N, C-alpha and C. Protein backbone atom coordinates (compact mmCIF):
# COMPACT_ATOMS: atom_id res chain seq x y z
N UNK A 1 -180.00 -147.88 157.13
CA UNK A 1 -178.87 -146.92 156.60
C UNK A 1 -177.87 -146.97 157.70
N UNK A 2 -176.53 -147.20 157.46
CA UNK A 2 -175.47 -147.20 158.50
C UNK A 2 -175.18 -145.80 158.87
N UNK A 3 -174.77 -145.57 160.11
CA UNK A 3 -174.44 -144.33 160.74
C UNK A 3 -172.87 -144.28 160.57
N UNK A 4 -172.34 -143.34 159.78
CA UNK A 4 -170.93 -143.14 159.76
C UNK A 4 -170.35 -142.28 160.86
N UNK A 5 -169.30 -142.71 161.53
CA UNK A 5 -168.68 -141.90 162.52
C UNK A 5 -167.39 -141.23 161.86
N UNK A 6 -166.86 -140.27 162.73
CA UNK A 6 -165.71 -139.64 162.15
C UNK A 6 -164.44 -140.27 162.62
N UNK A 7 -164.50 -141.33 163.42
CA UNK A 7 -163.40 -142.11 164.17
C UNK A 7 -162.62 -142.80 163.09
N UNK A 8 -161.65 -143.45 163.52
CA UNK A 8 -160.77 -144.28 162.62
C UNK A 8 -161.54 -145.37 161.87
N UNK A 9 -161.02 -145.58 160.62
CA UNK A 9 -161.65 -146.61 159.89
C UNK A 9 -161.46 -148.16 160.36
N UNK A 10 -162.55 -148.74 160.22
CA UNK A 10 -162.57 -150.16 160.81
C UNK A 10 -161.53 -151.00 159.89
N UNK A 11 -161.01 -151.92 160.39
CA UNK A 11 -160.12 -152.90 159.61
C UNK A 11 -160.83 -154.05 159.26
N UNK A 12 -160.77 -154.56 158.01
CA UNK A 12 -161.46 -155.61 157.51
C UNK A 12 -160.43 -156.74 157.29
N UNK A 13 -160.72 -158.02 157.61
CA UNK A 13 -160.05 -159.13 157.28
C UNK A 13 -160.42 -159.69 155.92
N UNK A 14 -159.57 -160.50 155.38
CA UNK A 14 -159.81 -160.99 154.03
C UNK A 14 -161.20 -161.60 153.98
N UNK A 15 -161.57 -162.36 155.02
CA UNK A 15 -163.00 -162.83 154.98
C UNK A 15 -164.08 -161.89 154.87
N UNK A 16 -163.86 -160.69 155.46
CA UNK A 16 -164.81 -159.59 155.59
C UNK A 16 -164.82 -158.82 154.15
N UNK A 17 -163.68 -158.76 153.60
CA UNK A 17 -163.66 -158.20 152.16
C UNK A 17 -164.33 -159.26 151.20
N UNK A 18 -164.05 -160.55 151.30
CA UNK A 18 -164.74 -161.48 150.53
C UNK A 18 -166.20 -161.34 150.64
N UNK A 19 -166.74 -161.17 151.84
CA UNK A 19 -168.21 -161.09 151.96
C UNK A 19 -168.76 -159.90 151.32
N UNK A 20 -167.99 -158.78 151.45
CA UNK A 20 -168.59 -157.52 150.97
C UNK A 20 -168.55 -157.44 149.45
N UNK A 21 -167.59 -158.16 148.83
CA UNK A 21 -167.44 -158.12 147.37
C UNK A 21 -168.12 -159.41 146.80
N UNK A 22 -168.79 -160.33 147.60
CA UNK A 22 -169.56 -161.55 147.22
C UNK A 22 -168.51 -162.38 146.26
N UNK A 23 -167.33 -162.56 146.85
CA UNK A 23 -166.17 -163.30 146.29
C UNK A 23 -165.75 -164.27 147.27
N UNK A 24 -165.02 -165.27 146.81
CA UNK A 24 -164.41 -166.28 147.74
C UNK A 24 -163.08 -165.78 148.40
N UNK A 25 -162.79 -166.16 149.51
CA UNK A 25 -161.51 -165.96 150.28
C UNK A 25 -160.32 -166.03 149.16
N UNK A 26 -160.26 -167.25 148.35
CA UNK A 26 -159.26 -167.30 147.51
C UNK A 26 -159.26 -166.31 146.46
N UNK A 27 -160.33 -165.94 145.96
CA UNK A 27 -160.42 -164.82 144.95
C UNK A 27 -159.87 -163.59 145.54
N UNK A 28 -160.27 -163.28 146.68
CA UNK A 28 -159.89 -162.02 147.26
C UNK A 28 -158.28 -162.12 147.53
N UNK A 29 -157.68 -163.33 147.87
CA UNK A 29 -156.37 -163.35 148.08
C UNK A 29 -155.59 -163.24 146.81
N UNK A 30 -156.20 -163.74 145.85
CA UNK A 30 -155.60 -163.62 144.39
C UNK A 30 -155.56 -162.12 144.00
N UNK A 31 -156.74 -161.43 144.35
CA UNK A 31 -156.92 -159.91 143.80
C UNK A 31 -155.91 -159.10 144.64
N UNK A 32 -155.54 -159.50 145.96
CA UNK A 32 -154.57 -158.75 146.80
C UNK A 32 -153.17 -159.17 146.17
N UNK A 33 -152.85 -160.33 145.86
CA UNK A 33 -151.53 -160.74 145.34
C UNK A 33 -151.15 -160.26 143.94
N UNK A 34 -152.25 -159.89 143.17
CA UNK A 34 -152.00 -159.21 141.91
C UNK A 34 -152.28 -157.74 141.83
N UNK A 35 -152.36 -157.17 143.08
CA UNK A 35 -152.64 -155.73 143.37
C UNK A 35 -153.83 -155.22 142.59
N UNK A 36 -154.84 -156.00 142.53
CA UNK A 36 -156.12 -155.52 141.96
C UNK A 36 -156.89 -154.78 143.07
N UNK A 37 -156.69 -155.04 144.37
CA UNK A 37 -157.33 -154.38 145.42
C UNK A 37 -156.49 -153.20 146.06
N UNK A 38 -157.09 -152.31 146.80
CA UNK A 38 -156.06 -151.24 147.35
C UNK A 38 -155.08 -151.90 148.49
N UNK A 39 -154.25 -151.17 148.79
CA UNK A 39 -153.31 -151.50 149.75
C UNK A 39 -153.81 -152.16 151.02
N UNK A 40 -153.10 -153.28 151.36
CA UNK A 40 -153.46 -154.09 152.54
C UNK A 40 -152.18 -154.06 153.30
N UNK A 41 -152.35 -154.48 154.65
CA UNK A 41 -151.23 -154.62 155.50
C UNK A 41 -151.38 -155.89 156.43
N UNK A 42 -150.29 -156.42 157.02
CA UNK A 42 -150.25 -157.51 157.86
C UNK A 42 -150.24 -156.90 159.33
N UNK A 43 -151.22 -157.03 160.07
CA UNK A 43 -151.18 -156.65 161.52
C UNK A 43 -151.55 -157.82 162.33
N UNK A 44 -150.67 -158.07 163.30
CA UNK A 44 -150.71 -159.10 164.29
C UNK A 44 -150.87 -160.55 163.50
N UNK A 45 -150.23 -160.62 162.36
CA UNK A 45 -150.18 -161.88 161.60
C UNK A 45 -151.43 -161.99 160.63
N UNK A 46 -152.25 -161.02 160.50
CA UNK A 46 -153.45 -161.18 159.65
C UNK A 46 -153.46 -160.11 158.69
N UNK A 47 -153.88 -160.37 157.41
CA UNK A 47 -153.93 -159.48 156.40
C UNK A 47 -155.16 -158.68 156.63
N UNK A 48 -155.10 -157.38 156.53
CA UNK A 48 -156.27 -156.37 156.79
C UNK A 48 -156.18 -155.33 155.86
N UNK A 49 -157.38 -154.76 155.66
CA UNK A 49 -157.61 -153.52 154.71
C UNK A 49 -158.48 -152.61 155.48
N UNK A 50 -158.28 -151.24 155.38
CA UNK A 50 -159.11 -150.15 156.02
C UNK A 50 -160.49 -150.28 155.27
N UNK A 51 -161.47 -150.22 155.89
CA UNK A 51 -162.92 -150.21 155.30
C UNK A 51 -162.96 -149.07 154.41
N UNK A 52 -162.52 -147.95 154.84
CA UNK A 52 -162.59 -146.62 154.06
C UNK A 52 -161.89 -146.93 152.50
N UNK A 53 -160.82 -147.61 152.60
CA UNK A 53 -160.01 -147.89 151.36
C UNK A 53 -160.90 -148.71 150.41
N UNK A 54 -161.53 -149.74 151.05
CA UNK A 54 -162.45 -150.63 150.27
C UNK A 54 -163.50 -149.87 149.51
N UNK A 55 -164.18 -149.12 150.47
CA UNK A 55 -165.33 -148.27 150.02
C UNK A 55 -164.92 -147.34 148.79
N UNK A 56 -163.69 -146.82 149.08
CA UNK A 56 -163.27 -145.77 147.89
C UNK A 56 -162.93 -146.45 146.68
N UNK A 57 -162.39 -147.71 146.72
CA UNK A 57 -162.07 -148.59 145.71
C UNK A 57 -163.46 -149.03 144.96
N UNK A 58 -164.39 -149.32 145.52
CA UNK A 58 -165.62 -149.67 144.92
C UNK A 58 -166.21 -148.40 144.32
N UNK A 59 -166.35 -147.24 145.11
CA UNK A 59 -166.90 -146.01 144.36
C UNK A 59 -166.09 -145.64 143.21
N UNK A 60 -164.76 -145.86 143.19
CA UNK A 60 -164.03 -145.49 142.14
C UNK A 60 -164.41 -146.25 140.73
N UNK A 61 -164.71 -147.42 140.97
CA UNK A 61 -165.21 -148.37 139.99
C UNK A 61 -166.53 -147.92 139.32
N UNK A 62 -167.50 -147.37 140.10
CA UNK A 62 -168.73 -146.90 139.80
C UNK A 62 -168.65 -145.61 139.10
N UNK A 63 -167.56 -144.76 139.57
CA UNK A 63 -167.38 -143.52 139.03
C UNK A 63 -166.76 -143.67 137.54
N UNK A 64 -165.80 -144.58 137.42
CA UNK A 64 -165.32 -144.96 136.14
C UNK A 64 -166.21 -145.35 135.12
N UNK A 65 -167.10 -146.43 135.60
CA UNK A 65 -168.18 -146.88 134.71
C UNK A 65 -169.26 -145.64 134.30
N UNK A 66 -169.44 -144.90 135.19
CA UNK A 66 -170.37 -143.67 134.77
C UNK A 66 -169.63 -142.88 133.70
N UNK A 67 -168.36 -142.61 133.94
CA UNK A 67 -167.72 -141.76 132.95
C UNK A 67 -167.73 -142.44 131.69
N UNK A 68 -167.51 -143.72 131.52
CA UNK A 68 -167.52 -144.34 130.22
C UNK A 68 -168.88 -144.35 129.60
N UNK A 69 -169.91 -144.42 130.29
CA UNK A 69 -171.17 -144.55 129.85
C UNK A 69 -171.61 -143.11 129.31
N UNK A 70 -171.16 -142.07 129.99
CA UNK A 70 -171.48 -140.63 129.51
C UNK A 70 -170.61 -140.19 128.42
N UNK A 71 -169.52 -140.83 128.20
CA UNK A 71 -168.59 -140.34 127.18
C UNK A 71 -169.05 -140.67 125.67
């Protein structure tokens, strides 16, 4: 079990996002370009996303699925 700190969210690179979603880097880049993933930014020439934003996005999909099943 990971220990959560109250500090700033870690920044994830496209490769990190791909690993977490079990997708290829190309698929993640496509999802970013079509705005299927939450907001990303370019920092120091690299596309990044806040770890908290990715976790919230994944959780929202589980909540939406749960709502559909219980409806």
